[in-house]
Amino acid sequence: MALSKKYGKIYLLPCEMGEQDSSRLFPAFNAEIAASVTYFIVEQIRSARRSLKKINPAIVIDNVHFAELNKHAETIDIDTLLQPVLSGHNMAIMSEAGMPCIADPGAVVVNRAHELGVHVVPLVGPSSILMALVASGGNGQNFAFHGYVPMKDERKQFLQRIEQRAKREGQSQIFMETPYRNAQLFSEILQLLQPSTKLCVACNISCEDEYIATKTIAEWRKTIIDIAKKPTMFVVI
């Protein structure tokens, strides 16, 4: 379907990944777009309000309309969410942190927007996945992002499978866990992977206490780190 001139646009608006100076993360154009849009689809309204004020303090939050799209997206009528853009208004999608539509439900909205012929515009901003990858020393031409690791019953097979793939194909393997489970996952990684396998741990990316290091599993077993309750990306190399 050709893009329709009567529709508005959907902007994919990134937000910060922690307590950061927004001027370090976003171009001025993002602030202009954020101020020009009054309809937002967000993962969590409270955090979206806070992020918008950081992106552009001049935004009058009371004039902004929010629709929440979270893990219960399958129960929401996507076409209803898109009514403003179908009526000619521009809209923006925001995630809880970083780039929207990666490891969050915003992708279902974008997929439907394409089906309807709505113009989707990605904006520049931080991505913890790519930032972890480029800082890891791993293969940046061949990589896979697995999202959240499986629950405990499937985790052993998952970790061993991606380790084999990294060694066999030279493909960097990127994954994450809910922050409060980071310490347990890290412990399991050290138990299950081979001593020579390399692992990058990228924690609180772009924040003042950012920690990024790549070591062999053997070296990690001698290292003490605190990643509990901190957003972290893991890259198996």
C-alpha atoms as a PDB file:
ATOM      1  CA  MET A   1       0.000   0.000   0.000  1.00  0.00           C
ATOM      2  CA  ALA A   2       1.356   3.445  -0.939  1.00  0.00           C
ATOM      3  CA  LEU A   3       1.937   5.962   1.838  1.00  0.00           C
ATOM      4  CA  SER A   4      -1.125   8.163   2.285  1.00  0.00           C
ATOM      5  CA  LYS A   5      -0.746  11.959   2.461  1.00  0.00           C
ATOM      6  CA  LYS A   6      -3.826  12.285   4.633  1.00  0.00           C
ATOM      7  CA  TYR A   7      -2.251  10.298   7.458  1.00  0.00           C
ATOM      8  CA  GLY A   8       0.119  11.683  10.041  1.00  0.00           C
ATOM      9  CA  LYS A   9       3.529  10.186  10.697  1.00  0.00           C
ATOM     10  CA  ILE A  10       4.650   7.875  13.481  1.00  0.00           C
ATOM     11  CA  TYR A  11       7.976   8.855  15.042  1.00  0.00           C
ATOM     12  CA  LEU A  12      10.014   6.308  16.968  1.00  0.00           C
ATOM     13  CA  LEU A  13      11.310   8.506  19.785  1.00  0.00           C
ATOM     14  CA  PRO A  14      14.181   7.110  21.898  1.00  0.00           C
ATOM     15  CA  CYS A  15      14.526   7.994  25.572  1.00  0.00           C
ATOM     16  CA  GLU A  16      17.343   7.860  28.097  1.00  0.00           C
ATOM     17  CA  MET A  17      18.579   4.599  29.628  1.00  0.00           C
ATOM     18  CA  GLY A  18      19.110   5.925  33.149  1.00  0.00           C
ATOM     19  CA  GLU A  19      19.997   9.142  34.940  1.00  0.00           C
ATOM     20  CA  GLN A  20      21.787  10.936  32.128  1.00  0.00           C
ATOM     21  CA  ASP A  21      22.249  14.327  30.524  1.00  0.00           C
ATOM     22  CA  SER A  22      19.872  14.144  27.553  1.00  0.00           C
ATOM     23  CA  SER A  23      22.019  16.561  25.541  1.00  0.00           C
ATOM     24  CA  ARG A  24      24.653  13.812  25.320  1.00  0.00           C
ATOM     25  CA  LEU A  25      22.224  11.328  23.843  1.00  0.00           C
ATOM     26  CA  PHE A  26      19.820  13.072  21.482  1.00  0.00           C
ATOM     27  CA  PRO A  27      20.098  15.546  18.593  1.00  0.00           C
ATOM     28  CA  ALA A  28      18.137  18.802  18.808  1.00  0.00           C
ATOM     29  CA  PHE A  29      15.756  17.490  16.156  1.00  0.00           C
ATOM     30  CA  ASN A  30      14.386  14.963  18.670  1.00  0.00           C
ATOM     31  CA  ALA A  31      13.435  17.783  21.030  1.00  0.00           C
ATOM     32  CA  GLU A  32      11.654  19.562  18.185  1.00  0.00           C
ATOM     33  CA  ILE A  33       9.671  16.471  17.257  1.00  0.00           C
ATOM     34  CA  ALA A  34       8.804  15.721  20.894  1.00  0.00           C
ATOM     35  CA  ALA A  35       7.413  19.241  21.276  1.00  0.00           C
ATOM     36  CA  SER A  36       5.412  19.053  18.049  1.00  0.00           C
ATOM     37  CA  VAL A  37       3.648  15.762  18.818  1.00  0.00           C
ATOM     38  CA  THR A  38       0.678  15.607  21.168  1.00  0.00           C
ATOM     39  CA  TYR A  39      -0.224  11.914  20.813  1.00  0.00           C
ATOM     40  CA  PHE A  40       2.109   9.303  22.267  1.00  0.00           C
ATOM     41  CA  ILE A  41       2.012   5.522  22.529  1.00  0.00           C
ATOM     42  CA  VAL A  42       4.196   4.559  25.479  1.00  0.00           C
ATOM     43  CA  GLU A  43       5.161   1.547  27.536  1.00  0.00           C
ATOM     44  CA  GLN A  44       4.577   3.306  30.857  1.00  0.00           C
ATOM     45  CA  ILE A  45       2.938   6.726  31.163  1.00  0.00           C
ATOM     46  CA  ARG A  46       4.734   7.882  34.299  1.00  0.00           C
ATOM     47  CA  SER A  47       8.223   7.247  32.924  1.00  0.00           C
ATOM     48  CA  ALA A  48       7.229   8.656  29.515  1.00  0.00           C
ATOM     49  CA  ARG A  49       6.214  11.953  31.124  1.00  0.00           C
ATOM     50  CA  ARG A  50       9.570  12.153  32.882  1.00  0.00           C
ATOM     51  CA  SER A  51      11.507  11.303  29.713  1.00  0.00           C
ATOM     52  CA  LEU A  52       9.671  13.899  27.627  1.00  0.00           C
ATOM     53  CA  LYS A  53      10.531  16.661  30.096  1.00  0.00           C
ATOM     54  CA  LYS A  54      14.179  15.639  29.872  1.00  0.00           C
ATOM     55  CA  ILE A  55      14.143  15.607  26.076  1.00  0.00           C
ATOM     56  CA  ASN A  56      12.462  19.022  25.934  1.00  0.00           C
ATOM     57  CA  PRO A  57      11.689  20.880  29.195  1.00  0.00           C
ATOM     58  CA  ALA A  58       9.402  23.264  27.284  1.00  0.00           C
ATOM     59  CA  ILE A  59       6.817  20.535  26.670  1.00  0.00           C
ATOM     60  CA  VAL A  60       3.534  21.151  28.496  1.00  0.00           C
ATOM     61  CA  ILE A  61       2.710  17.640  29.686  1.00  0.00           C
ATOM     62  CA  ASP A  62      -0.932  18.501  30.398  1.00  0.00           C
ATOM     63  CA  ASN A  63      -1.424  19.089  26.664  1.00  0.00           C
ATOM     64  CA  VAL A  64      -0.123  15.636  25.747  1.00  0.00           C
ATOM     65  CA  HIS A  65      -2.295  12.566  25.191  1.00  0.00           C
ATOM     66  CA  PHE A  66      -0.840   9.198  26.219  1.00  0.00           C
ATOM     67  CA  ALA A  67      -1.951   5.692  25.303  1.00  0.00           C
ATOM     68  CA  GLU A  68      -0.247   2.869  27.179  1.00  0.00           C
ATOM     69  CA  LEU A  69       1.001  -0.224  25.349  1.00  0.00           C
ATOM     70  CA  ASN A  70       2.689  -2.726  27.655  1.00  0.00           C
ATOM     71  CA  LYS A  71       3.168  -6.477  27.937  1.00  0.00           C
ATOM     72  CA  HIS A  72      -0.593  -6.936  27.618  1.00  0.00           C
ATOM     73  CA  ALA A  73      -0.523  -5.597  24.054  1.00  0.00           C
ATOM     74  CA  GLU A  74      -2.364  -8.632  22.700  1.00  0.00           C
ATOM     75  CA  THR A  75      -5.538  -7.464  24.451  1.00  0.00           C
ATOM     76  CA  ILE A  76      -5.408  -3.936  22.975  1.00  0.00           C
ATOM     77  CA  ASP A  77      -7.072  -2.852  19.719  1.00  0.00           C
ATOM     78  CA  ILE A  78      -4.109  -1.465  17.765  1.00  0.00           C
ATOM     79  CA  ASP A  79      -6.317   0.320  15.234  1.00  0.00           C
ATOM     80  CA  THR A  80      -7.907   2.272  18.083  1.00  0.00           C
ATOM     81  CA  LEU A  81      -4.438   3.362  19.253  1.00  0.00           C
ATOM     82  CA  LEU A  82      -3.696   4.548  15.728  1.00  0.00           C
ATOM     83  CA  GLN A  83      -6.835   6.653  15.302  1.00  0.00           C
ATOM     84  CA  PRO A  84      -5.007   9.986  15.822  1.00  0.00           C
ATOM     85  CA  VAL A  85      -2.461   9.247  13.069  1.00  0.00           C
ATOM     86  CA  LEU A  86      -5.206   7.974  10.768  1.00  0.00           C
ATOM     87  CA  SER A  87      -6.970  11.289  11.361  1.00  0.00           C
ATOM     88  CA  GLY A  88      -3.925  13.253  10.234  1.00  0.00           C
ATOM     89  CA  HIS A  89      -2.099  13.837  13.542  1.00  0.00           C
ATOM     90  CA  ASN A  90       1.542  12.914  14.040  1.00  0.00           C
ATOM     91  CA  MET A  91       2.230  10.389  16.796  1.00  0.00           C
ATOM     92  CA  ALA A  92       5.302   9.073  18.599  1.00  0.00           C
ATOM     93  CA  ILE A  93       6.138   5.716  20.165  1.00  0.00           C
ATOM     94  CA  MET A  94       8.340   5.593  23.266  1.00  0.00           C
ATOM     95  CA  SER A  95       9.818   2.624  25.100  1.00  0.00           C
ATOM     96  CA  GLU A  96      10.602   2.421  28.795  1.00  0.00           C
ATOM     97  CA  ALA A  97      14.291   2.926  27.979  1.00  0.00           C
ATOM     98  CA  GLY A  98      16.412   3.409  24.884  1.00  0.00           C
ATOM     99  CA  MET A  99      15.092   2.707  21.401  1.00  0.00           C
ATOM    100  CA  PRO A 100      11.411   1.838  20.997  1.00  0.00           C
ATOM    101  CA  CYS A 101      10.247  -1.394  19.348  1.00  0.00           C
ATOM    102  CA  ILE A 102      13.228  -3.449  20.549  1.00  0.00           C
ATOM    103  CA  ALA A 103      12.370  -5.863  23.348  1.00  0.00           C
ATOM    104  CA  ASP A 104       9.088  -3.996  23.852  1.00  0.00           C
ATOM    105  CA  PRO A 105       5.602  -4.242  22.325  1.00  0.00           C
ATOM    106  CA  GLY A 106       5.821  -1.129  20.136  1.00  0.00           C
ATOM    107  CA  ALA A 107       6.728  -3.285  17.141  1.00  0.00           C
ATOM    108  CA  VAL A 108       3.119  -4.482  16.793  1.00  0.00           C
ATOM    109  CA  VAL A 109       2.025  -0.867  16.280  1.00  0.00           C
ATOM    110  CA  VAL A 110       4.698  -0.255  13.662  1.00  0.00           C
ATOM    111  CA  ASN A 111       3.756  -3.440  11.841  1.00  0.00           C
ATOM    112  CA  ARG A 112       0.115  -2.361  11.675  1.00  0.00           C
ATOM    113  CA  ALA A 113       1.128   1.148  10.614  1.00  0.00           C
ATOM    114  CA  HIS A 114       2.951  -0.280   7.600  1.00  0.00           C
ATOM    115  CA  GLU A 115      -0.099  -2.360   6.699  1.00  0.00           C
ATOM    116  CA  LEU A 116      -2.193   0.825   6.724  1.00  0.00           C
ATOM    117  CA  GLY A 117       0.325   2.865   4.753  1.00  0.00           C
ATOM    118  CA  VAL A 118       1.437   5.161   7.568  1.00  0.00           C
ATOM    119  CA  HIS A 119       4.924   6.691   7.286  1.00  0.00           C
ATOM    120  CA  VAL A 120       7.175   5.448  10.140  1.00  0.00           C
ATOM    121  CA  VAL A 121      10.159   7.666  11.035  1.00  0.00           C
ATOM    122  CA  PRO A 122      12.951   6.303  13.305  1.00  0.00           C
ATOM    123  CA  LEU A 123      14.819   8.970  15.267  1.00  0.00           C
ATOM    124  CA  VAL A 124      18.429   8.852  16.426  1.00  0.00           C
ATOM    125  CA  GLY A 125      19.090   7.735  19.979  1.00  0.00           C
ATOM    126  CA  PRO A 126      20.865   5.275  22.261  1.00  0.00           C
ATOM    127  CA  SER A 127      20.575   1.526  21.794  1.00  0.00           C
ATOM    128  CA  SER A 128      22.070  -0.587  24.570  1.00  0.00           C
ATOM    129  CA  ILE A 129      22.250  -3.559  22.190  1.00  0.00           C
ATOM    130  CA  LEU A 130      24.457  -1.870  19.608  1.00  0.00           C
ATOM    131  CA  MET A 131      26.438   0.073  22.187  1.00  0.00           C
ATOM    132  CA  ALA A 132      27.261  -3.150  24.029  1.00  0.00           C
ATOM    133  CA  LEU A 133      28.193  -4.871  20.781  1.00  0.00           C
ATOM    134  CA  VAL A 134      30.562  -2.186  19.500  1.00  0.00           C
ATOM    135  CA  ALA A 135      32.221  -1.914  22.918  1.00  0.00           C
ATOM    136  CA  SER A 136      32.604  -5.675  23.331  1.00  0.00           C
ATOM    137  CA  GLY A 137      35.257  -6.375  20.713  1.00  0.00           C
ATOM    138  CA  GLY A 138      32.967  -9.001  19.192  1.00  0.00           C
ATOM    139  CA  ASN A 139      31.997  -9.491  15.574  1.00  0.00           C
ATOM    140  CA  GLY A 140      30.002  -6.446  14.459  1.00  0.00           C
ATOM    141  CA  GLN A 141      29.211  -7.911  11.030  1.00  0.00           C
ATOM    142  CA  ASN A 142      27.530 -11.068  12.259  1.00  0.00           C
ATOM    143  CA  PHE A 143      25.547 -10.938  15.490  1.00  0.00           C
ATOM    144  CA  ALA A 144      22.250 -12.034  17.022  1.00  0.00           C
ATOM    145  CA  PHE A 145      20.110 -10.414  19.699  1.00  0.00           C
ATOM    146  CA  HIS A 146      18.105 -12.940  21.705  1.00  0.00           C
ATOM    147  CA  GLY A 147      16.240 -10.572  24.002  1.00  0.00           C
ATOM    148  CA  TYR A 148      15.542 -11.890  27.473  1.00  0.00           C
ATOM    149  CA  VAL A 149      17.072 -15.262  28.329  1.00  0.00           C
ATOM    150  CA  PRO A 150      14.679 -18.189  28.777  1.00  0.00           C
ATOM    151  CA  MET A 151      13.457 -19.141  32.222  1.00  0.00           C
ATOM    152  CA  LYS A 152      15.615 -21.413  34.325  1.00  0.00           C
ATOM    153  CA  ASP A 153      14.463 -24.791  32.936  1.00  0.00           C
ATOM    154  CA  GLU A 154      15.590 -23.848  29.403  1.00  0.00           C
ATOM    155  CA  ARG A 155      18.503 -21.604  30.288  1.00  0.00           C
ATOM    156  CA  LYS A 156      21.267 -24.221  30.327  1.00  0.00           C
ATOM    157  CA  GLN A 157      20.507 -25.390  26.795  1.00  0.00           C
ATOM    158  CA  PHE A 158      20.159 -21.793  25.591  1.00  0.00           C
ATOM    159  CA  LEU A 159      23.548 -20.706  26.948  1.00  0.00           C
ATOM    160  CA  GLN A 160      25.350 -23.756  25.635  1.00  0.00           C
ATOM    161  CA  ARG A 161      23.664 -23.420  22.238  1.00  0.00           C
ATOM    162  CA  ILE A 162      24.651 -19.805  21.718  1.00  0.00           C
ATOM    163  CA  GLU A 163      28.193 -20.521  22.925  1.00  0.00           C
ATOM    164  CA  GLN A 164      28.511 -23.202  20.242  1.00  0.00           C
ATOM    165  CA  ARG A 165      27.102 -20.816  17.636  1.00  0.00           C
ATOM    166  CA  ALA A 166      29.557 -18.088  18.629  1.00  0.00           C
ATOM    167  CA  LYS A 167      32.468 -20.492  18.244  1.00  0.00           C
ATOM    168  CA  ARG A 168      31.188 -22.189  15.077  1.00  0.00           C
ATOM    169  CA  GLU A 169      30.042 -19.111  13.150  1.00  0.00           C
ATOM    170  CA  GLY A 170      31.967 -16.295  14.822  1.00  0.00           C
ATOM    171  CA  GLN A 171      28.595 -14.697  15.553  1.00  0.00           C
ATOM    172  CA  SER A 172      28.346 -12.398  18.567  1.00  0.00           C
ATOM    173  CA  GLN A 173      25.475 -13.468  20.840  1.00  0.00           C
ATOM    174  CA  ILE A 174      23.691 -10.653  22.714  1.00  0.00           C
ATOM    175  CA  PHE A 175      21.112 -11.157  25.449  1.00  0.00           C
ATOM    176  CA  MET A 176      19.749  -9.632  28.620  1.00  0.00           C
ATOM    177  CA  GLU A 177      17.898 -10.398  31.833  1.00  0.00           C
ATOM    178  CA  THR A 178      15.568  -8.556  34.176  1.00  0.00           C
ATOM    179  CA  PRO A 179      17.994  -6.458  36.280  1.00  0.00           C
ATOM    180  CA  TYR A 180      17.157  -8.049  39.632  1.00  0.00           C
ATOM    181  CA  ARG A 181      18.076 -11.462  38.164  1.00  0.00           C
ATOM    182  CA  ASN A 182      21.432 -10.358  36.719  1.00  0.00           C
ATOM    183  CA  ALA A 183      23.571 -11.784  39.506  1.00  0.00           C
ATOM    184  CA  GLN A 184      21.971 -15.211  39.237  1.00  0.00           C
ATOM    185  CA  LEU A 185      22.338 -15.267  35.447  1.00  0.00           C
ATOM    186  CA  PHE A 186      25.970 -14.189  35.658  1.00  0.00           C
ATOM    187  CA  SER A 187      26.666 -16.992  38.125  1.00  0.00           C
ATOM    188  CA  GLU A 188      25.057 -19.542  35.800  1.00  0.00           C
ATOM    189  CA  ILE A 189      27.030 -18.252  32.812  1.00  0.00           C
ATOM    190  CA  LEU A 190      30.292 -18.749  34.721  1.00  0.00           C
ATOM    191  CA  GLN A 191      29.281 -22.289  35.648  1.00  0.00           C
ATOM    192  CA  LEU A 192      28.074 -23.386  32.215  1.00  0.00           C
ATOM    193  CA  LEU A 193      30.348 -21.815  29.610  1.00  0.00           C
ATOM    194  CA  GLN A 194      33.840 -22.957  28.662  1.00  0.00           C
ATOM    195  CA  PRO A 195      36.835 -21.223  30.313  1.00  0.00           C
ATOM    196  CA  SER A 196      38.144 -19.926  26.947  1.00  0.00           C
ATOM    197  CA  THR A 197      34.839 -18.391  25.853  1.00  0.00           C
ATOM    198  CA  LYS A 198      34.793 -14.590  25.928  1.00  0.00           C
ATOM    199  CA  LEU A 199      31.981 -12.683  27.610  1.00  0.00           C
ATOM    200  CA  CYS A 200      31.305  -8.956  27.573  1.00  0.00           C
ATOM    201  CA  VAL A 201      29.326  -7.500  30.474  1.00  0.00           C
ATOM    202  CA  ALA A 202      27.943  -4.036  29.655  1.00  0.00           C
ATOM    203  CA  CYS A 203      26.186  -2.450  32.620  1.00  0.00           C
ATOM    204  CA  ASN A 204      24.424   0.926  32.942  1.00  0.00           C
ATOM    205  CA  ILE A 205      25.499   1.909  29.449  1.00  0.00           C
ATOM    206  CA  SER A 206      25.921   5.682  28.984  1.00  0.00           C
ATOM    207  CA  CYS A 207      25.400   6.413  32.691  1.00  0.00           C
ATOM    208  CA  GLU A 208      28.042   7.880  34.996  1.00  0.00           C
ATOM    209  CA  ASP A 209      28.709   4.475  36.572  1.00  0.00           C
ATOM    210  CA  GLU A 210      28.883   2.666  33.231  1.00  0.00           C
ATOM    211  CA  TYR A 211      30.836  -0.592  33.387  1.00  0.00           C
ATOM    212  CA  ILE A 212      31.892  -2.472  30.234  1.00  0.00           C
ATOM    213  CA  ALA A 213      34.474  -5.246  30.212  1.00  0.00           C
ATOM    214  CA  THR A 214      35.274  -8.278  28.058  1.00  0.00           C
ATOM    215  CA  LYS A 215      37.096 -11.226  29.600  1.00  0.00           C
ATOM    216  CA  THR A 216      37.319 -14.965  29.201  1.00  0.00           C
ATOM    217  CA  ILE A 217      35.068 -17.013  31.447  1.00  0.00           C
ATOM    218  CA  ALA A 218      38.194 -18.144  33.291  1.00  0.00           C
ATOM    219  CA  GLU A 219      39.086 -14.506  33.976  1.00  0.00           C
ATOM    220  CA  TRP A 220      35.526 -13.623  35.002  1.00  0.00           C
ATOM    221  CA  ARG A 221      35.595 -16.403  37.577  1.00  0.00           C
ATOM    222  CA  LYS A 222      38.339 -14.438  39.351  1.00  0.00           C
ATOM    223  CA  THR A 223      36.518 -11.099  39.076  1.00  0.00           C
ATOM    224  CA  ILE A 224      34.027  -9.583  41.504  1.00  0.00           C
ATOM    225  CA  ILE A 225      31.439  -7.242  39.984  1.00  0.00           C
ATOM    226  CA  ASP A 226      28.154  -5.774  41.174  1.00  0.00           C
ATOM    227  CA  ILE A 227      25.490  -5.812  38.438  1.00  0.00           C
ATOM    228  CA  ALA A 228      22.505  -6.557  40.659  1.00  0.00           C
ATOM    229  CA  LYS A 229      19.466  -4.436  39.773  1.00  0.00           C
ATOM    230  CA  LYS A 230      21.390  -2.600  37.015  1.00  0.00           C
ATOM    231  CA  PRO A 231      20.389  -2.779  33.332  1.00  0.00           C
ATOM    232  CA  THR A 232      22.962  -5.060  31.732  1.00  0.00           C
ATOM    233  CA  MET A 233      23.713  -6.530  28.305  1.00  0.00           C
ATOM    234  CA  PHE A 234      25.688  -9.738  27.931  1.00  0.00           C
ATOM    235  CA  VAL A 235      27.655 -10.565  24.764  1.00  0.00           C
ATOM    236  CA  VAL A 236      29.105 -14.033  24.218  1.00  0.00           C
ATOM    237  CA  ILE A 237      32.012 -13.930  21.775  1.00  0.00           C
END
